[in-house]
Structures are given as structure tokens and as C-alpha cells.
Protein backbone atom coordinates (compact mmCIF):
# COMPACT_ATOMS: atom_id res chain seq x y z
CA UNK A 1 -10.75 -20.92 -10.72
CA UNK A 2 -7.91 -18.80 -9.37
CA UNK A 3 -7.50 -15.37 -10.97
CA UNK A 4 -3.86 -14.27 -11.10
CA UNK A 5 -3.79 -10.48 -11.43
CA UNK A 6 -0.25 -9.94 -12.71
CA UNK A 7 1.63 -6.68 -13.24
CA UNK A 8 4.24 -6.76 -16.04
CA UNK A 9 5.78 -3.51 -14.74
CA UNK A 10 6.41 -4.48 -11.12
CA UNK A 11 9.98 -4.22 -9.85
CA UNK A 12 11.14 -7.75 -10.67
CA UNK A 13 12.46 -7.98 -14.24
CA UNK A 14 11.52 -11.65 -14.71
CA UNK A 15 7.87 -11.28 -13.75
CA UNK A 16 6.45 -13.13 -16.73
CA UNK A 17 8.62 -16.19 -16.20
CA UNK A 18 7.81 -16.28 -12.49
CA UNK A 19 4.06 -15.95 -13.09
CA UNK A 20 4.23 -18.72 -15.70
CA UNK A 21 5.87 -20.96 -13.08
CA UNK A 22 3.11 -20.06 -10.61
CA UNK A 23 0.41 -20.86 -13.19
CA UNK A 24 1.98 -24.26 -13.87
CA UNK A 25 2.15 -25.00 -10.13
CA UNK A 26 -1.51 -24.03 -9.74
CA UNK A 27 -2.54 -26.28 -12.63
CA UNK A 28 -0.45 -29.15 -11.26
CA UNK A 29 -2.22 -28.70 -7.93
CA UNK A 30 -5.63 -29.13 -9.56
CA UNK A 31 -6.53 -25.43 -9.83
CA UNK A 32 -7.73 -23.56 -12.93
CA UNK A 33 -5.53 -20.47 -13.14
CA UNK A 34 -6.62 -17.48 -15.19
CA UNK A 35 -3.70 -15.07 -15.63
CA UNK A 36 -4.61 -11.46 -16.41
CA UNK A 37 -1.80 -9.04 -17.32
CA UNK A 38 -3.70 -6.02 -18.65
CA UNK A 39 -4.97 -3.57 -16.01
CA UNK A 40 -8.22 -2.83 -17.82
CA UNK A 41 -8.92 -6.51 -18.39
CA UNK A 42 -8.19 -7.17 -14.72
CA UNK A 43 -10.65 -4.50 -13.58
CA UNK A 44 -13.31 -5.81 -15.98
CA UNK A 45 -12.76 -9.41 -14.87
CA UNK A 46 -13.00 -8.61 -11.17
CA UNK A 47 -16.15 -6.57 -11.78
CA UNK A 48 -17.82 -9.36 -13.80
CA UNK A 49 -20.08 -11.25 -11.39
CA UNK A 50 -20.56 -14.15 -13.77
CA UNK A 51 -16.81 -14.55 -14.32
CA UNK A 52 -16.07 -14.32 -10.61
CA UNK A 53 -18.84 -16.70 -9.52
CA UNK A 54 -16.49 -19.68 -9.70
CA UNK A 55 -13.42 -17.86 -8.40
CA UNK A 56 -11.97 -19.28 -5.17
CA UNK A 57 -9.33 -16.56 -4.74
CA UNK A 58 -7.45 -13.77 -6.47
CA UNK A 59 -3.65 -13.74 -6.46
CA UNK A 60 -2.03 -10.32 -6.82
CA UNK A 61 1.26 -11.05 -8.61
CA UNK A 62 3.27 -7.87 -8.27
CA UNK A 63 4.30 -5.32 -5.68
CA UNK A 64 2.44 -3.18 -3.19
CA UNK A 65 0.98 -1.04 -5.98
CA UNK A 66 -0.54 -4.11 -7.58
CA UNK A 67 -1.95 -5.23 -4.24
CA UNK A 68 -3.46 -1.77 -3.72
CA UNK A 69 -5.13 -1.82 -7.13
CA UNK A 70 -6.53 -5.31 -6.67
CA UNK A 71 -7.87 -4.50 -3.20
CA UNK A 72 -9.88 -1.65 -4.70
CA UNK A 73 -11.32 -3.88 -7.43
CA UNK A 74 -11.82 -7.11 -5.47
CA UNK A 75 -15.42 -8.30 -4.98
CA UNK A 76 -16.33 -8.27 -1.27
CA UNK A 77 -15.54 -11.55 0.43
CA UNK A 78 -13.27 -12.89 -2.32
CA UNK A 79 -10.03 -14.10 -0.67
CA UNK A 80 -6.78 -12.40 -1.66
CA UNK A 81 -3.34 -14.01 -1.85
CA UNK A 82 -0.09 -12.34 -2.92
CA UNK A 83 2.79 -13.56 -5.06
CA UNK A 84 5.47 -10.92 -4.35
CA UNK A 85 7.17 -9.52 -7.45
CA UNK A 86 7.63 -5.84 -6.65
CA UNK A 87 10.21 -3.47 -5.19
CA UNK A 88 9.29 -3.40 -1.50
CA UNK A 89 6.61 -6.11 -1.14
CA UNK A 90 5.62 -4.76 2.28
CA UNK A 91 2.15 -6.33 2.24
CA UNK A 92 3.56 -9.73 1.32
CA UNK A 93 6.19 -9.51 4.05
CA UNK A 94 3.65 -8.40 6.66
CA UNK A 95 1.37 -11.39 6.03
CA UNK A 96 3.88 -14.14 5.26
CA UNK A 97 3.63 -14.43 1.47
CA UNK A 98 6.96 -15.62 0.06
CA UNK A 99 8.37 -15.85 -3.45
CA UNK A 100 7.54 -19.55 -3.46
CA UNK A 101 4.89 -20.79 -5.93
CA UNK A 102 4.59 -24.21 -4.29
CA UNK A 103 3.99 -22.69 -0.85
CA UNK A 104 1.32 -20.38 -2.28
CA UNK A 105 -0.43 -23.31 -3.96
CA UNK A 106 -0.45 -25.20 -0.65
CA UNK A 107 -1.88 -22.17 1.17
CA UNK A 108 -4.63 -21.81 -1.44
CA UNK A 109 -5.43 -25.52 -1.18
CA UNK A 110 -5.62 -25.30 2.62
CA UNK A 111 -8.13 -22.47 2.25
CA UNK A 112 -7.53 -20.90 5.65
CA UNK A 113 -8.37 -17.20 5.70
CA UNK A 114 -8.24 -14.24 8.03
CA UNK A 115 -10.01 -10.88 8.01
CA UNK A 116 -7.98 -7.67 7.87
CA UNK A 117 -9.01 -4.07 8.36
CA UNK A 118 -8.58 -1.57 5.55
CA UNK A 119 -8.15 2.16 5.68
CA UNK A 120 -10.46 4.23 3.51
CA UNK A 121 -9.52 7.65 2.18
CA UNK A 122 -12.06 10.07 0.72
CA UNK A 123 -10.87 12.95 -1.46
CA UNK A 124 -13.34 15.16 -3.35
CA UNK A 125 -16.10 12.64 -2.77
CA UNK A 126 -14.15 9.67 -4.14
CA UNK A 127 -13.09 6.87 -1.79
CA UNK A 128 -10.18 4.46 -2.02
CA UNK A 129 -9.04 1.64 0.24
CA UNK A 130 -5.48 1.29 1.49
CA UNK A 131 -3.91 -1.68 3.24
CA UNK A 132 -0.60 -0.24 4.46
CA UNK A 133 -0.55 3.50 4.99
CA UNK A 134 -1.55 6.93 3.80
CA UNK A 135 0.59 10.05 4.08
CA UNK A 136 0.53 13.75 3.37
CA UNK A 137 3.69 15.77 2.81
CA UNK A 138 7.09 15.23 1.22
CA UNK A 139 6.84 11.54 0.38
CA UNK A 140 3.43 12.08 -1.23
CA UNK A 141 5.05 14.80 -3.36
CA UNK A 142 7.71 12.28 -4.44
CA UNK A 143 4.98 9.77 -5.34
CA UNK A 144 3.11 12.46 -7.30
CA UNK A 145 6.22 13.43 -9.28
CA UNK A 146 7.10 9.84 -10.09
CA UNK A 147 3.56 9.10 -11.28
CA UNK A 148 3.60 12.19 -13.52
CA UNK A 149 6.99 11.31 -14.98
CA UNK A 150 5.90 7.74 -15.67
CA UNK A 151 2.72 8.94 -17.39
CA UNK A 152 4.76 11.36 -19.52
CA UNK A 153 7.30 8.70 -20.44
CA UNK A 154 10.12 10.44 -18.56
CA UNK A 155 10.58 7.57 -16.10
CA UNK A 156 10.58 3.85 -16.78
CA UNK A 157 7.25 2.14 -16.13
CA UNK A 158 9.01 -0.61 -14.16
CA UNK A 159 9.58 0.75 -10.64
CA UNK A 160 12.77 0.04 -8.72
CA UNK A 161 14.24 1.78 -5.69
CA UNK A 162 16.47 3.82 -8.00
CA UNK A 163 13.32 5.14 -9.70
CA UNK A 164 12.69 7.36 -6.67
CA UNK A 165 16.08 9.11 -6.71
CA UNK A 166 15.27 11.80 -9.29
CA UNK A 167 11.78 12.69 -7.99
CA UNK A 168 13.11 12.70 -4.43
CA UNK A 169 15.94 15.07 -5.38
CA UNK A 170 13.53 17.38 -7.21
CA UNK A 171 11.11 17.35 -4.28
CA UNK A 172 13.84 18.10 -1.74
CA UNK A 173 14.83 21.16 -3.76
CA UNK A 174 11.34 22.58 -4.26
CA UNK A 175 8.93 21.29 -1.60
CA UNK A 176 8.14 23.90 1.08
CA UNK A 177 6.66 21.64 3.80
CA UNK A 178 3.33 23.42 4.42
CA UNK A 179 1.80 22.29 7.72
CA UNK A 180 -0.82 19.55 7.72
CA UNK A 181 -3.53 19.73 10.37
CA UNK A 182 -4.84 16.46 11.80
CA UNK A 183 -8.10 16.08 13.72
CA UNK A 184 -8.64 12.64 15.25
CA UNK A 185 -11.57 12.69 17.65
CA UNK A 186 -10.58 15.01 20.49
CA UNK A 187 -6.90 14.96 19.46
CA UNK A 188 -5.37 17.53 17.14
CA UNK A 189 -1.86 18.00 15.78
CA UNK A 190 -0.06 19.96 13.08
CA UNK A 191 3.19 19.25 11.31
CA UNK A 192 5.09 19.02 8.06
CA UNK A 193 4.48 15.32 7.51
CA UNK A 194 1.58 13.09 8.52
CA UNK A 195 1.20 9.31 8.29
CA UNK A 196 -1.91 7.19 8.87
CA UNK A 197 -0.82 3.57 9.28
CA UNK A 198 -2.65 0.26 9.06
CA UNK A 199 0.62 -1.72 9.16
CA UNK A 200 3.90 -1.20 11.02
CA UNK A 201 6.53 -1.00 8.26
CA UNK A 202 7.32 1.75 5.76
CA UNK A 203 9.60 1.68 2.68
CA UNK A 204 12.96 -0.03 3.26
CA UNK A 205 11.12 -1.92 6.02
CA UNK A 206 11.49 1.05 8.37
CA UNK A 207 9.48 0.57 11.61
CA UNK A 208 7.51 3.79 11.21
CA UNK A 209 4.39 2.72 13.15
CA UNK A 210 5.47 -0.35 15.15
CA UNK A 211 2.17 -0.57 17.03
CA UNK A 212 -0.07 -0.54 13.95
CA UNK A 213 -2.11 -3.69 13.31
CA UNK A 214 -4.62 -4.53 10.61
CA UNK A 215 -6.90 -6.45 12.96
CA UNK A 216 -7.45 -3.98 15.82
CA UNK A 217 -10.24 -1.89 14.29
CA UNK A 218 -8.18 1.31 14.39
CA UNK A 219 -5.56 3.31 12.49
CA UNK A 220 -2.34 4.67 13.98
CA UNK A 221 -1.36 8.23 13.09
CA UNK A 222 1.91 10.12 13.39
CA UNK A 223 2.74 13.78 12.82
CA UNK A 224 6.32 14.97 12.36
CA UNK A 225 6.16 18.63 13.28
CA UNK A 226 9.28 20.15 11.69
CA UNK A 227 9.83 20.56 7.97
CA UNK A 228 13.36 21.10 6.66
CA UNK A 229 16.23 19.11 5.22
CA UNK A 230 17.89 19.00 8.64
CA UNK A 231 14.67 17.83 10.29
CA UNK A 232 14.18 15.19 7.59
CA UNK A 233 17.66 13.81 8.25
CA UNK A 234 17.04 13.81 12.00
CA UNK A 235 13.68 12.07 11.68
CA UNK A 236 15.03 9.50 9.21
CA UNK A 237 17.86 8.56 11.56
CA UNK A 238 15.45 8.34 14.50
CA UNK A 239 13.05 6.10 12.55
CA UNK A 240 15.92 3.89 11.41
CA UNK A 241 16.92 3.40 15.05
CA UNK A 242 13.32 2.98 16.21
CA UNK A 243 13.52 6.04 18.49
CA UNK A 244 11.23 8.52 16.77
CA UNK A 245 8.18 7.83 18.94
CA UNK A 246 9.90 9.25 22.00
CA UNK A 247 10.68 12.61 20.42
CA UNK A 248 8.93 15.78 21.61
CA UNK A 249 8.36 16.91 18.01
CA UNK A 250 6.61 13.70 16.92
CA UNK A 251 2.93 13.38 17.81
CA UNK A 252 1.04 10.11 17.62
CA UNK A 253 -2.29 8.51 18.38
CA UNK A 254 -4.87 5.94 17.37
CA UNK A 255 -8.28 6.60 15.86
CA UNK A 256 -11.09 5.10 13.82
CA UNK A 257 -11.72 8.31 11.89
CA UNK A 258 -9.61 11.39 11.21
CA UNK A 259 -9.27 14.39 8.92
CA UNK A 260 -6.14 15.80 7.27
CA UNK A 261 -6.34 19.38 6.05
CA UNK A 262 -4.07 22.31 5.25
CA UNK A 263 -4.28 26.00 4.42
CA UNK A 264 -2.87 25.23 0.96
CA UNK A 265 -3.32 21.89 -0.85
CA UNK A 266 -0.80 19.28 0.31
CA UNK A 267 -0.19 16.12 -1.75
CA UNK A 268 -1.58 12.84 -0.40
CA UNK A 269 -0.62 9.26 -1.28
CA UNK A 270 -1.85 5.84 -0.20
CA UNK A 271 0.10 2.60 -0.66
CA UNK A 272 2.39 4.30 -3.17
CA UNK A 273 -0.33 5.79 -5.40
CA UNK A 274 -1.14 9.53 -5.55
CA UNK A 275 -4.59 10.44 -4.23
CA UNK A 276 -4.65 14.15 -4.94
CA UNK A 277 -4.39 16.77 -2.22
CA UNK A 278 -5.83 17.68 1.16
CA UNK A 279 -8.42 17.80 2.56
CA UNK A 280 -8.85 14.06 3.03
CA UNK A 281 -11.21 12.13 5.28
CA UNK A 282 -9.84 8.82 6.57
CA UNK A 283 -11.57 6.01 8.41
CA UNK A 284 -11.03 2.33 9.16
CA UNK A 285 -13.23 -0.43 7.75
CA UNK A 286 -12.86 -3.40 10.13
CA UNK A 287 -12.54 -6.83 8.54
CA UNK A 288 -13.04 -5.48 5.02
CA UNK A 289 -10.40 -7.69 3.39
CA UNK A 290 -10.32 -11.49 3.39
CA UNK A 291 -6.77 -12.80 3.02
CA UNK A 292 -5.51 -16.33 2.47
CA UNK A 293 -3.41 -17.37 5.47
CA UNK A 294 0.13 -17.98 4.26
CA UNK A 295 2.02 -21.01 5.56
CA UNK A 296 4.52 -19.01 7.58
CA UNK A 297 2.08 -16.56 9.13
């Protein structure tokens, strides 16, 4: 059996049709697909040992948010594959998963896997895995606002890039950029915006942490010291050009465990989902995720 954990609200508007095509391809390839659209049913299915006993792999059919949710519900050792149907699809791009049902079926049939590290964030005693990156500061405030608006029915449930415009504008007008303090072993840094990366690319495929790898047993961290609209524009341009790591006001390092804290609570997000506020303890869990090796990876 292959469980297809599908998200009807991911960025692509034709998700249901695409997942139906994937299910037909799986069946034609001799697999038994079980498509699950409801989030509560998905969580219950993945937690059901009897139901998962005959499961060869779980396919996350959606965007990075769907991947993040599935990773946190996946039974240990169960292989994950991704059918990209979201806005950014950073995880899929990083590990070679294409919008190609036939290619995914072939990869599942081949059965080759690889182990990836996961980041783990602990806030108020609750832990959550992340595959891409965690951040504290302005972009986490944008994520928080968007999540609140979606829950209140102000924003559409289906996320597109345009969905971030209004919460970004509101955050730029009101966010005060309180400093975040990072302790990573013997290294310390403080700044307006902090990122802990397990993968190199950020939204819009920006090379925020080009040295980050999910198989090196460590997490890369960056701190952007200045907080203002002018600084944000400067940093954004530098990241776009791949020149931010050489700046005097950008600190960076690599660690297996670190702490993010602040004098006043600062919003935190991981893989596009709000996590609450600082303080947050972060560590790496080597080889925690088993991933199907895509054909082009």
C-alpha cells in the first residue's frame, strides 16, 4: 500500500485532478494507493500501526506545508516521497521530486532510499520537526499573521505567493524588529532576524544558506543584525545576489544545538508554520527521515 497524503488547499488549483492521475499511475504500476484528503484522517491513518503495517511509503501530495505536517506524523522508518503541488515546493526541488506521476511511480518501484537529517524545535515543552528551516523575526511574523487570517476566514485557505502580500505589508508597518539572541555552543550573536537552516534555499529559491545540507549532522545558522526597512531592502538584494555571507552585519555558523531567545517574545516559524514565540531550543536529529530517492537526484 502507498498512502497519498493530499492537501486540497495547496497552491495548485487543480490538485484533485493531479492526485487522481497519480493514483491511477500507482494502480497501473501494481501499487495499492490510499488517498487521504482530510488532515484529521491523515493524522489518524499515519498513527494507526495496523493500517500502516503494510505501507511501503507515504507520498505527500502538496507543498512544503504538507510535507512539514506529514514529517511530523510519519511513523519512524516509513519512506517519504513528494508529489509537488504547492506554491514554493522547496523540499521537492531540493531532493529531485518533479510534477511527474510516472517518474514518481518508477522511483517508488525502485525502492532506493536515503536518510536525511531533521531539525527539531522545542517551544514550551512541545517539539516539532522541520526539514527546511526555522526563523525568528519578521518573516515569522508574516507567517503568524497569515495563519491567523486564514483561521478567521479573512484569507483564502489556498496559499499562493500573492497570499503573503497583505500580511507582509501589515508586518512591515507594525513590526519593531526586537533583537534575537542566539547561543550555539561557544558562539553567540544578536540581531533582528535569525535563520536556522537544514537546506540551502529559502522562498523564491533564494540561496539563503548555500552551505546547508541535510546529511551533514549539523544545522547552519545566520543572524542579520540590523532591523529596519532600509536594512531589509539591503539584505534582500544581497541575498538575491548571493553576497550576504560576506557582510560585516551578517553572522553565521554551524551547530548541532542552539538556543534562540529575546527580551520580549519574538515570533518563530518552521517550514512555513507558526511555532509560537521565543525562547526556542533547536537541535539536529541525524538521519531521522527516510526519503525515496527520486530519479533525477
